[in-house]
Protein backbone atom coordinates (compact mmCIF):
# COMPACT_ATOMS: atom_id res chain seq x y z
CA MET A 1 -10.38 -17.77 71.87
CA LYS A 2 -8.24 -14.71 72.38
CA ALA A 3 -6.89 -16.20 75.71
CA GLN A 4 -6.19 -19.53 73.92
CA TYR A 5 -4.40 -17.73 71.04
CA GLN A 6 -2.22 -15.90 73.86
CA ALA A 7 -1.53 -19.17 75.47
CA THR A 8 -0.20 -20.64 72.43
CA MET A 9 1.96 -17.61 71.91
CA THR A 10 3.47 -17.45 75.40
CA GLY A 11 3.52 -21.22 76.20
CA LYS A 12 1.53 -20.68 79.33
CA VAL A 13 -1.92 -21.95 80.30
CA PRO A 14 -4.46 -19.37 81.20
CA SER A 15 -5.16 -19.06 84.80
CA PHE A 16 -8.97 -19.67 84.43
CA PHE A 17 -8.20 -23.33 83.54
CA PRO A 18 -7.59 -24.73 86.98
CA GLY A 19 -5.20 -27.55 86.92
CA SER A 20 -4.48 -27.33 83.20
CA THR A 21 -1.32 -28.39 81.69
CA VAL A 22 0.36 -27.66 78.36
CA SER A 23 -0.41 -31.09 77.10
CA SER A 24 -4.20 -30.49 77.73
CA ALA A 25 -3.96 -27.27 75.66
CA LEU A 26 -2.26 -28.78 72.71
CA PRO A 27 -5.41 -29.93 70.91
CA GLY A 28 -6.78 -26.41 71.08
CA TYR A 29 -3.54 -24.97 69.75
CA VAL A 30 -3.52 -27.29 66.69
CA ALA A 31 -7.09 -26.50 65.99
CA LEU A 32 -6.26 -22.80 66.16
CA CYS A 33 -3.33 -23.22 63.68
CA LEU A 34 -5.36 -25.14 61.22
CA ALA A 35 -8.24 -22.57 61.43
CA LEU A 36 -5.84 -19.78 60.75
CA GLN A 37 -4.24 -21.71 57.86
CA VAL A 38 -7.62 -22.43 56.28
CA HIS A 39 -8.60 -18.83 56.66
CA ARG A 40 -5.33 -17.63 54.93
CA LEU A 41 -5.82 -20.14 52.03
CA ALA A 42 -9.41 -19.08 51.63
CA LEU A 43 -8.32 -15.45 51.29
CA ALA A 44 -5.67 -16.54 48.71
CA GLN A 45 -8.19 -18.43 46.39
CA PHE A 46 -9.38 -16.66 43.31
CA THR A 47 -10.81 -17.18 39.89
CA VAL A 48 -9.81 -15.62 36.51
CA THR A 49 -12.58 -14.46 34.20
CA GLY A 50 -12.31 -13.34 30.56
CA PRO A 51 -14.90 -11.83 28.19
CA GLY A 52 -17.91 -14.07 27.59
CA HIS A 53 -17.87 -13.66 23.85
CA PRO A 54 -15.11 -13.72 21.00
CA ILE A 55 -13.12 -10.52 20.45
CA THR A 56 -13.18 -9.35 16.80
CA ALA A 57 -10.27 -7.31 15.46
CA SER A 58 -9.46 -6.02 11.95
CA LEU A 59 -6.25 -6.69 10.06
CA GLY A 60 -3.67 -4.03 10.64
CA GLY A 61 -5.58 -2.72 13.64
CA GLU A 62 -5.35 -3.65 17.26
CA ALA A 63 -7.12 -5.93 19.79
CA VAL A 64 -7.54 -5.65 23.61
CA LEU A 65 -7.80 -9.10 25.53
CA PRO A 66 -9.15 -8.37 28.93
CA CYS A 67 -9.04 -10.56 32.18
CA HIS A 68 -9.89 -9.93 35.93
CA LEU A 69 -9.69 -11.72 39.12
CA SER A 70 -12.56 -12.46 41.39
CA PRO A 71 -12.84 -11.59 44.11
CA ARG A 72 -11.10 -8.27 43.56
CA MET A 73 -7.34 -8.34 44.66
CA SER A 74 -4.15 -6.76 43.53
CA ALA A 75 -2.20 -8.58 40.81
CA GLU A 76 0.97 -6.42 41.10
CA ASN A 77 2.97 -9.11 42.72
CA MET A 78 1.65 -11.94 40.64
CA GLU A 79 2.74 -13.58 37.42
CA VAL A 80 0.35 -12.75 34.65
CA ARG A 81 0.91 -14.61 31.37
CA TRP A 82 -0.99 -14.82 28.02
CA PHE A 83 -0.07 -17.67 25.87
CA ARG A 84 -1.41 -19.60 22.86
CA PHE A 85 -1.27 -23.34 22.21
CA LYS A 86 0.99 -24.30 25.07
CA PHE A 87 2.33 -22.69 28.25
CA SER A 88 5.71 -21.90 26.66
CA ALA A 89 4.14 -20.18 23.61
CA VAL A 90 4.22 -16.75 25.39
CA VAL A 91 2.44 -13.94 23.70
CA HIS A 92 3.25 -11.65 26.88
CA LEU A 93 4.66 -12.24 30.33
CA TYR A 94 4.43 -9.96 33.46
CA ARG A 95 6.49 -11.04 36.34
CA ASP A 96 8.40 -9.60 39.33
CA GLY A 97 6.51 -6.27 38.78
CA GLN A 98 7.67 -5.87 35.08
CA ASP A 99 7.26 -7.07 31.57
CA GLN A 100 9.52 -9.90 30.53
CA TYR A 101 9.98 -9.64 26.70
CA GLY A 102 12.77 -12.19 26.58
CA ALA A 103 10.36 -14.99 26.87
CA GLN A 104 8.12 -13.73 24.09
CA MET A 105 7.47 -15.58 20.78
CA PRO A 106 9.19 -13.71 17.92
CA GLU A 107 6.14 -12.99 15.99
CA TYR A 108 4.78 -10.94 18.93
CA ARG A 109 7.76 -8.87 19.73
CA GLY A 110 7.30 -5.12 19.53
CA ARG A 111 3.47 -5.67 19.09
CA THR A 112 2.10 -6.25 22.62
CA GLU A 113 1.33 -3.81 25.53
CA LEU A 114 0.05 -4.72 29.03
CA LEU A 115 -2.62 -2.35 30.32
CA ARG A 116 -2.41 -2.25 34.02
CA ASP A 117 -4.14 0.92 35.11
CA ASN A 118 -6.35 -1.29 37.26
CA ILE A 119 -3.89 -4.04 38.31
CA THR A 120 -4.46 -3.22 41.91
CA ASN A 121 -8.01 -4.19 41.47
CA GLY A 122 -7.14 -7.37 39.63
CA ARG A 123 -8.05 -6.09 36.13
CA VAL A 124 -5.48 -6.28 33.46
CA SER A 125 -5.62 -6.31 29.63
CA LEU A 126 -3.26 -7.28 26.80
CA ARG A 127 -3.29 -4.90 23.72
CA ILE A 128 -2.01 -6.47 20.44
CA HIS A 129 -0.93 -4.06 17.79
CA ASP A 130 -0.82 -4.61 13.92
CA ILE A 131 -3.23 -7.56 13.81
CA GLN A 132 -2.07 -10.29 11.43
CA PRO A 133 -3.90 -13.38 10.09
CA SER A 134 -1.83 -15.66 12.44
CA ASP A 135 -3.14 -13.90 15.52
CA ASN A 136 -6.57 -15.54 14.93
CA GLY A 137 -7.49 -18.24 17.49
CA GLN A 138 -7.52 -19.01 21.16
CA TYR A 139 -5.51 -17.42 24.04
CA LYS A 140 -5.25 -18.17 27.67
CA CYS A 141 -4.58 -15.55 30.40
CA PHE A 142 -2.92 -17.07 33.62
CA PHE A 143 -2.49 -15.60 36.89
CA LYS A 144 -0.21 -17.05 39.53
CA SER A 145 0.17 -15.93 43.24
CA ASN A 146 2.45 -17.46 45.88
CA VAL A 147 -0.25 -20.10 46.86
CA SER A 148 -2.44 -20.36 43.91
CA TYR A 149 -2.94 -20.15 40.20
CA GLU A 150 -5.86 -19.98 37.60
CA GLU A 151 -6.49 -19.25 33.90
CA ALA A 152 -9.19 -18.27 31.58
CA LEU A 153 -9.73 -18.95 27.93
CA LEU A 154 -10.26 -16.12 25.33
CA GLU A 155 -10.82 -16.15 21.48
CA LEU A 156 -9.65 -13.60 19.04
CA GLN A 157 -11.32 -13.54 15.74
CA VAL A 158 -9.30 -11.74 13.10
CA ALA A 159 -11.17 -10.22 9.99
CA GLY A 160 -9.93 -8.38 6.87
CA LEU A 161 -11.99 -6.60 4.35
CA GLY A 162 -10.60 -7.21 0.86
CA SER A 163 -10.33 -5.17 -2.26
CA ALA A 164 -13.26 -3.86 -4.42
CA PRO A 165 -14.16 -6.67 -6.84
CA ALA A 166 -12.59 -6.21 -10.32
CA ILE A 167 -14.83 -7.42 -13.12
CA SER A 168 -13.50 -8.43 -16.56
CA VAL A 169 -15.08 -9.77 -19.76
CA GLU A 170 -13.14 -12.81 -20.87
CA GLY A 171 -14.64 -13.87 -24.17
CA HIS A 172 -17.62 -15.96 -25.41
CA GLN A 173 -18.62 -19.22 -23.93
CA ASP A 174 -21.81 -21.39 -24.41
CA ARG A 175 -23.37 -18.82 -26.76
CA GLY A 176 -22.97 -16.15 -24.11
CA ILE A 177 -20.28 -13.86 -22.58
CA ARG A 178 -18.04 -15.16 -19.77
CA VAL A 179 -17.67 -12.45 -17.04
CA VAL A 180 -15.15 -13.08 -14.23
CA CYS A 181 -15.00 -11.23 -10.81
CA ARG A 182 -11.84 -11.11 -8.62
CA SER A 183 -11.15 -9.64 -5.24
CA ALA A 184 -8.07 -10.32 -2.91
CA GLY A 185 -6.94 -9.49 0.72
CA TRP A 186 -9.85 -11.16 2.66
CA TYR A 187 -9.72 -12.90 6.03
CA PRO A 188 -11.09 -15.42 6.78
CA GLN A 189 -12.48 -16.99 3.65
CA PRO A 190 -15.01 -14.67 2.11
CA LYS A 191 -18.29 -15.56 0.25
CA ALA A 192 -18.72 -14.53 -3.23
CA GLN A 193 -21.97 -14.44 -5.36
CA TRP A 194 -23.66 -12.93 -8.37
CA LYS A 195 -26.89 -10.95 -8.08
CA ASP A 196 -29.24 -9.27 -10.47
CA LEU A 197 -30.65 -5.70 -10.13
CA GLN A 198 -33.41 -7.05 -7.83
CA GLY A 199 -30.88 -8.68 -5.43
CA GLN A 200 -31.83 -12.17 -6.57
CA LEU A 201 -28.93 -14.63 -6.48
CA LEU A 202 -27.66 -15.96 -9.88
CA PRO A 203 -25.97 -19.31 -10.59
CA SER A 204 -22.13 -19.19 -11.08
CA ALA A 205 -20.27 -20.92 -13.86
CA SER A 206 -17.27 -21.43 -11.51
CA GLU A 207 -16.17 -20.28 -8.05
CA LYS A 208 -12.69 -20.52 -6.37
CA ILE A 209 -11.59 -19.28 -3.01
CA SER A 210 -7.67 -19.64 -2.72
CA PRO A 211 -5.16 -18.61 -0.13
CA GLU A 212 -2.50 -16.00 -0.84
CA ALA A 213 1.10 -16.23 0.25
CA ASN A 214 0.53 -13.62 3.12
CA GLY A 215 -2.20 -15.77 4.66
CA LEU A 216 -5.12 -13.81 3.30
CA PHE A 217 -7.59 -15.29 0.75
CA GLN A 218 -8.75 -14.25 -2.74
CA ALA A 219 -11.96 -15.03 -4.49
CA GLU A 220 -12.72 -15.54 -8.22
CA ILE A 221 -16.12 -16.20 -9.44
CA ALA A 222 -17.55 -16.44 -13.01
CA ILE A 223 -20.91 -16.29 -14.71
CA VAL A 224 -21.98 -16.68 -18.38
CA LEU A 225 -24.41 -14.00 -19.48
CA THR A 226 -26.66 -14.78 -22.46
CA GLU A 227 -28.67 -12.42 -24.57
CA LYS A 228 -31.89 -13.76 -22.87
CA SER A 229 -30.65 -13.72 -19.34
CA ASN A 230 -29.65 -10.70 -17.18
CA GLN A 231 -27.41 -8.28 -19.01
CA LYS A 232 -26.56 -6.33 -15.85
CA VAL A 233 -25.31 -8.14 -12.79
CA CYS A 234 -23.52 -7.22 -9.60
CA CYS A 235 -20.63 -9.20 -7.98
CA CYS A 236 -20.74 -9.20 -4.13
CA VAL A 237 -18.00 -10.47 -1.95
CA ARG A 238 -18.54 -10.32 1.86
CA THR A 239 -17.03 -11.52 5.15
CA PRO A 240 -19.65 -12.73 7.64
CA ARG A 241 -17.40 -12.07 10.53
CA LEU A 242 -17.44 -8.39 10.00
CA ASN A 243 -20.98 -8.46 8.33
CA GLN A 244 -19.51 -6.20 5.60
CA GLU A 245 -19.21 -6.55 1.87
CA ARG A 246 -17.85 -5.03 -1.29
CA GLU A 247 -19.60 -5.11 -4.58
CA SER A 248 -19.23 -4.07 -8.29
CA ALA A 249 -21.61 -4.13 -11.19
CA ILE A 250 -21.30 -4.55 -14.95
CA SER A 251 -23.61 -4.05 -17.84
CA ILE A 252 -23.20 -5.59 -21.26
CA ALA A 253 -24.94 -4.18 -24.33
CA GLU A 254 -26.92 -6.49 -26.53
CA LEU A 255 -24.77 -5.95 -29.58
CA PHE A 256 -21.84 -7.62 -27.89
CA PHE A 257 -23.65 -11.01 -27.58
CA PRO A 258 -22.75 -13.57 -30.28
CA LYS A 259 -25.17 -14.05 -33.14
CA VAL A 260 -25.41 -17.40 -34.74
CA SER A 261 -25.52 -17.46 -38.51
CA PRO A 262 -24.52 -19.88 -41.34
CA TRP A 263 -21.64 -17.62 -42.57
CA MET A 264 -20.32 -17.30 -39.05
CA VAL A 265 -20.26 -21.00 -38.66
CA ALA A 266 -18.20 -21.36 -41.91
CA LEU A 267 -15.92 -18.64 -40.78
CA GLY A 268 -15.34 -20.46 -37.51
CA VAL A 269 -14.39 -23.75 -39.35
CA ILE A 270 -12.06 -21.72 -41.65
CA LEU A 271 -10.39 -19.90 -38.72
CA ALA A 272 -10.05 -23.21 -36.78
CA LEU A 273 -8.27 -24.80 -39.79
CA LEU A 274 -6.08 -21.72 -40.12
CA THR A 275 -5.13 -22.06 -36.43
CA VAL A 276 -4.10 -25.61 -36.92
CA LEU A 277 -2.05 -24.74 -39.94
CA ILE A 278 -0.33 -21.86 -38.18
CA GLY A 279 0.42 -23.98 -35.20
CA LEU A 280 2.05 -26.71 -37.27
CA ALA A 281 4.11 -24.05 -39.27
CA SER A 282 5.16 -22.33 -35.94
CA TYR A 283 6.25 -25.70 -34.47
CA CYS A 284 8.35 -26.55 -37.55
CA PHE A 285 9.93 -23.07 -37.50
CA TRP A 286 10.63 -23.42 -33.74
CA ARG A 287 12.32 -26.87 -34.23
CA GLN A 288 14.45 -25.33 -37.09
CA HIS A 289 15.64 -22.40 -35.00
CA ARG A 290 15.90 -24.08 -31.65
CA ALA A 291 19.58 -24.80 -31.93
CA LYS A 292 20.32 -21.16 -32.95
CA ASP A 293 18.23 -19.46 -30.38
CA ARG A 294 17.28 -20.72 -26.96
CA LEU A 295 16.20 -17.46 -25.49
CA GLY A 296 12.80 -16.97 -23.85
CA PRO A 297 10.16 -15.12 -26.00
CA CYS A 298 10.33 -11.78 -24.19
CA LEU A 299 14.10 -11.22 -24.56
CA ARG A 300 13.97 -12.44 -28.26
CA LYS A 301 11.54 -9.63 -29.13
CA LYS A 302 13.20 -6.88 -27.18
CA PRO A 303 16.92 -6.28 -26.43
CA ALA A 304 17.69 -6.75 -22.72
CA PRO A 305 19.19 -3.25 -22.13
CA VAL A 306 15.65 -1.82 -22.68
CA TYR A 307 14.67 -3.36 -19.28
CA ALA A 308 18.01 -3.20 -17.52
CA VAL A 309 17.74 -1.84 -14.04
CA ASP A 310 20.68 -0.68 -11.60
CA VAL A 311 20.22 -3.09 -8.64
CA THR A 312 21.83 -2.21 -5.39
CA LEU A 313 21.66 -4.21 -2.10
CA ASP A 314 19.74 -3.01 1.04
CA PRO A 315 22.01 -3.41 4.10
CA ASP A 316 18.99 -3.26 6.43
CA THR A 317 17.80 -6.64 5.17
CA ALA A 318 21.24 -8.37 5.18
CA ASN A 319 21.84 -11.30 7.59
CA PRO A 320 24.46 -10.21 10.22
CA LYS A 321 27.00 -12.77 8.76
CA LEU A 322 26.82 -11.20 5.19
CA ILE A 323 29.41 -8.52 4.26
CA LEU A 324 28.39 -5.87 1.66
CA SER A 325 30.70 -3.76 -0.37
CA GLU A 326 30.59 0.09 -0.04
CA ASP A 327 28.93 0.39 -3.49
CA ARG A 328 26.40 -2.36 -2.32
CA LYS A 329 27.09 -4.40 -5.40
CA HIS A 330 29.02 -7.28 -3.83
CA VAL A 331 27.93 -9.63 -0.93
CA ARG A 332 29.75 -12.52 0.53
CA HIS A 333 29.47 -14.75 3.70
CA GLY A 334 31.72 -13.64 6.42
CA ASP A 335 33.31 -15.75 9.24
CA THR A 336 31.69 -13.96 12.21
CA HIS A 337 28.35 -12.72 13.25
CA GLN A 338 28.40 -8.94 13.14
CA ASP A 339 26.78 -6.85 15.80
CA LEU A 340 23.80 -5.30 13.86
CA SER A 341 20.42 -4.14 14.95
CA ASP A 342 17.76 -6.80 14.75
CA ASN A 343 15.22 -4.79 12.91
CA PRO A 344 12.07 -6.31 11.27
CA GLU A 345 13.48 -6.10 7.78
CA ARG A 346 16.56 -8.08 8.65
CA PHE A 347 16.94 -11.96 7.87
CA ASP A 348 17.99 -13.48 11.09
CA THR A 349 18.58 -17.19 10.13
CA GLY A 350 19.11 -17.51 6.32
CA PRO A 351 22.19 -15.79 4.88
CA ASN A 352 20.00 -13.67 2.57
CA VAL A 353 19.81 -9.97 1.51
CA LEU A 354 17.33 -8.10 -0.68
CA GLY A 355 17.71 -5.44 -3.40
CA ALA A 356 16.94 -1.97 -2.41
CA GLU A 357 14.68 -1.47 -5.28
CA GLY A 358 11.02 -2.69 -5.28
CA PHE A 359 9.04 -3.35 -8.51
CA ALA A 360 5.32 -3.27 -8.62
CA GLY A 361 4.90 -3.56 -12.40
CA GLY A 362 6.65 -3.49 -15.77
CA ARG A 363 9.70 -5.46 -17.01
CA ARG A 364 13.02 -5.66 -15.25
CA TYR A 365 16.35 -7.34 -16.02
CA TRP A 366 19.61 -7.62 -14.05
CA GLU A 367 22.69 -9.86 -14.11
CA VAL A 368 24.52 -11.46 -11.11
CA GLU A 369 28.19 -12.72 -11.39
CA VAL A 370 28.27 -16.13 -9.51
CA GLY A 371 31.91 -17.08 -10.78
CA ASP A 372 32.99 -20.45 -9.58
CA LYS A 373 30.84 -20.58 -6.36
CA THR A 374 29.40 -23.98 -5.61
CA ASP A 375 26.49 -22.67 -3.47
CA TRP A 376 24.08 -19.77 -4.14
CA ASP A 377 20.41 -18.63 -4.45
CA LEU A 378 19.14 -16.01 -6.78
CA GLY A 379 15.68 -14.68 -7.77
CA VAL A 380 12.86 -12.25 -6.48
CA CYS A 381 10.55 -12.34 -3.61
CA ARG A 382 7.67 -10.35 -2.21
CA GLU A 383 8.52 -7.41 -0.16
CA SER A 384 6.27 -8.73 2.66
CA VAL A 385 7.94 -12.19 3.03
CA SER A 386 8.74 -13.39 6.50
CA ARG A 387 12.34 -12.76 7.47
CA LYS A 388 12.55 -14.36 10.91
CA GLY A 389 13.14 -17.99 11.89
CA GLN A 390 12.74 -20.88 9.44
CA VAL A 391 11.91 -19.70 5.84
CA THR A 392 10.25 -21.80 3.03
CA TYR A 393 11.61 -20.53 -0.39
CA THR A 394 8.76 -21.47 -2.56
CA PRO A 395 6.23 -19.37 -4.60
CA GLU A 396 3.50 -20.19 -2.08
CA ALA A 397 5.71 -18.30 0.58
CA GLY A 398 6.39 -15.43 -1.88
CA TYR A 399 9.83 -16.62 -3.27
CA TRP A 400 10.66 -17.24 -6.99
CA THR A 401 14.33 -18.46 -6.91
CA MET A 402 16.70 -21.02 -8.26
CA TRP A 403 19.88 -22.43 -6.57
CA LEU A 404 23.07 -24.33 -6.95
CA ARG A 405 24.13 -27.06 -4.47
CA GLY A 406 27.04 -29.35 -4.98
CA GLY A 407 26.97 -29.07 -8.79
CA GLY A 408 23.14 -29.43 -9.05
CA TYR A 409 20.93 -26.57 -10.28
CA MET A 410 17.22 -26.56 -9.03
CA ALA A 411 14.17 -24.32 -9.28
CA ASN A 412 12.50 -23.76 -5.98
CA THR A 413 8.95 -24.67 -7.14
CA SER A 414 6.60 -26.32 -4.68
CA SER A 415 8.49 -29.59 -5.26
CA PRO A 416 12.05 -28.58 -6.33
CA THR A 417 12.57 -28.97 -10.10
CA SER A 418 15.96 -30.21 -11.33
CA LEU A 419 17.56 -28.08 -14.17
CA PRO A 420 19.69 -29.68 -16.96
CA VAL A 421 22.63 -27.39 -17.45
CA SER A 422 25.06 -28.22 -20.11
CA VAL A 423 27.45 -25.21 -19.67
CA ARG A 424 28.15 -24.03 -16.14
CA PRO A 425 27.06 -20.34 -15.75
CA SER A 426 29.53 -17.84 -14.47
CA ARG A 427 26.80 -15.07 -14.76
CA VAL A 428 22.99 -15.39 -14.39
CA GLY A 429 20.57 -13.12 -15.79
CA ILE A 430 17.14 -12.51 -14.24
CA PHE A 431 14.15 -11.20 -16.06
CA LEU A 432 10.92 -10.01 -14.35
CA ASP A 433 7.75 -9.44 -16.39
CA TYR A 434 5.33 -8.36 -13.66
CA GLU A 435 2.03 -8.11 -15.69
CA ALA A 436 2.70 -11.55 -17.43
CA GLY A 437 3.50 -13.05 -14.03
CA GLU A 438 6.88 -14.46 -15.12
CA VAL A 439 10.33 -14.64 -13.53
CA SER A 440 12.88 -16.09 -15.97
CA PHE A 441 16.56 -17.12 -15.48
CA TYR A 442 19.22 -17.15 -18.18
CA ASN A 443 22.70 -18.66 -18.49
CA VAL A 444 24.60 -15.43 -19.66
CA THR A 445 27.65 -17.65 -20.33
CA ASP A 446 26.15 -19.60 -23.25
CA ARG A 447 23.01 -17.42 -23.76
CA SER A 448 20.58 -20.12 -22.91
CA HIS A 449 17.25 -20.31 -20.99
CA LEU A 450 17.36 -22.05 -17.68
CA PHE A 451 13.76 -21.66 -16.17
CA THR A 452 10.66 -19.56 -16.00
CA PHE A 453 8.28 -19.30 -13.14
CA THR A 454 4.70 -18.40 -13.95
CA ASP A 455 2.49 -16.94 -11.25
CA THR A 456 0.23 -14.01 -10.37
CA PHE A 457 1.99 -11.25 -8.55
CA SER A 458 0.62 -8.64 -5.97
CA GLY A 459 2.51 -5.95 -4.04
CA LYS A 460 6.26 -5.14 -4.61
CA LEU A 461 8.78 -7.72 -5.70
CA ARG A 462 12.43 -7.17 -4.70
CA PRO A 463 15.62 -8.95 -5.99
CA PHE A 464 16.89 -11.73 -3.75
CA LEU A 465 20.43 -13.05 -3.34
CA SER A 466 22.04 -15.54 -0.93
CA PRO A 467 25.85 -16.49 -1.10
CA CYS A 468 24.88 -19.43 1.29
CA ASP A 469 27.09 -20.75 3.98
CA ASN A 470 30.87 -19.99 4.09
CA ALA A 471 32.52 -23.21 3.18
CA GLY A 472 35.87 -21.66 2.20
CA GLY A 473 37.59 -21.85 -1.09
CA THR A 474 35.54 -20.68 -4.21
CA ASN A 475 32.28 -20.56 -2.11
CA ALA A 476 33.72 -17.70 -0.03
CA ALA A 477 33.80 -15.51 -3.10
CA PRO A 478 31.13 -12.75 -3.38
CA LEU A 479 28.08 -12.57 -5.57
CA ILE A 480 28.40 -9.48 -7.79
CA ILE A 481 25.57 -7.43 -9.32
CA CYS A 482 26.93 -6.45 -12.77
CA PRO A 483 25.96 -3.77 -15.12
CA VAL A 484 24.20 -4.98 -18.36
CA PRO A 485 26.18 -4.37 -21.48
CA ALA A 486 24.82 -1.62 -23.64
CA GLN A 487 25.17 -3.30 -26.97
CA ALA A 488 22.10 -4.51 -28.86
CA GLY A 489 20.71 -7.53 -27.22
CA GLY A 490 23.07 -7.21 -24.14
CA ASN A 491 24.85 -10.29 -23.04
CA LEU A 492 21.77 -12.31 -24.28
CA GLY A 493 21.53 -10.92 -27.75
CA PRO A 494 21.12 -13.17 -30.77
């Protein structure tokens, strides 16, 4: 075989083949080349193996997704790619001996790290930081050499432990007391149940597991306790994925349960009649004064300056096309894209900016001068809203806003709500009542109420402004945060 190989390299026939010619050695030469090619390809073949079980990671923590080659070989000069639903949905890419962050999906930028201490042995792992609900699901790790490629499937299970259950008593029902348990911040959907002191399950009056705007879930479960049933119960909320739970207990004294007696029945009838009469009187009074006072109930009872706040704009959140004044009270849409750092707080698509102040409770009121602009958005949003890529401005996404487009006023509800406006506002007042779950908008020009959102808030809320696209003319004018007048009732006083 060695002589045959030398012959193929020199073009001569070995002397120990008497009478041989080059043509007679050709079949051996071809066979040798084929053998060498098959041997080279066999050495280049490999398989990719991942963990044989799902990987569990906690919200806000980190996850490590390992893969290795078999047989062992160096992956230093290979392409190593982690991706999600399709090949171009890149979570992390290693190629030409270095990480290629330009191909990465925006939601993973700054959160991935390739662990390559054992890359010469064909072992690499991907570490993902700050785990989010959207990270849950399947991943593929892909290895490609000059002559072959293979991939393996991995599954990441994200889990989040929610808040301790908060139990509240919400009045009488069915001759008992209605008790409600609430807990938020869970992932995936938790299981909630009532138990007695012996750990026996109790039937619930109602149960609701609903999604929050940040992708997590909240649980609400109710039970009606009677004097003859258990008076001390425990609310338990758990996540099977982590096999962990949180629970709270409540005990209700016997004297709080309703007692049925004839005089109480009579009193109930009288109170019901009084409620109807008071309701009719209130309706008539409201109809009589409607034309004189169109303000919302909160601002009629308290003058606006009591809740006035000094709102300034946060330049770190402003879209690169927005121009802020030095005092951070004015914002307008510019003609060019400014060279600003693409930090996580900055809106990169919508021409939006947030107030520097965040509100996690209480009542707040501020006013924005819109002038004769034909396009604008105003309101509040959660501090944690997504600011990259396409944004949906609805309460489900953490936005409570209204806008003007081409002369039409709309409230950004789940399905936009048209607002009838008789007098065009040159200044808009925004009133936030955090505990009541209300965001109200007022036409300061004619002192009328425009719209009120009703919802349940969590986390900080921040003022939201958008001067929209620069269409020239009046629309190029700025939005201006104005001080609230100090006279009683402010601009919206009766």
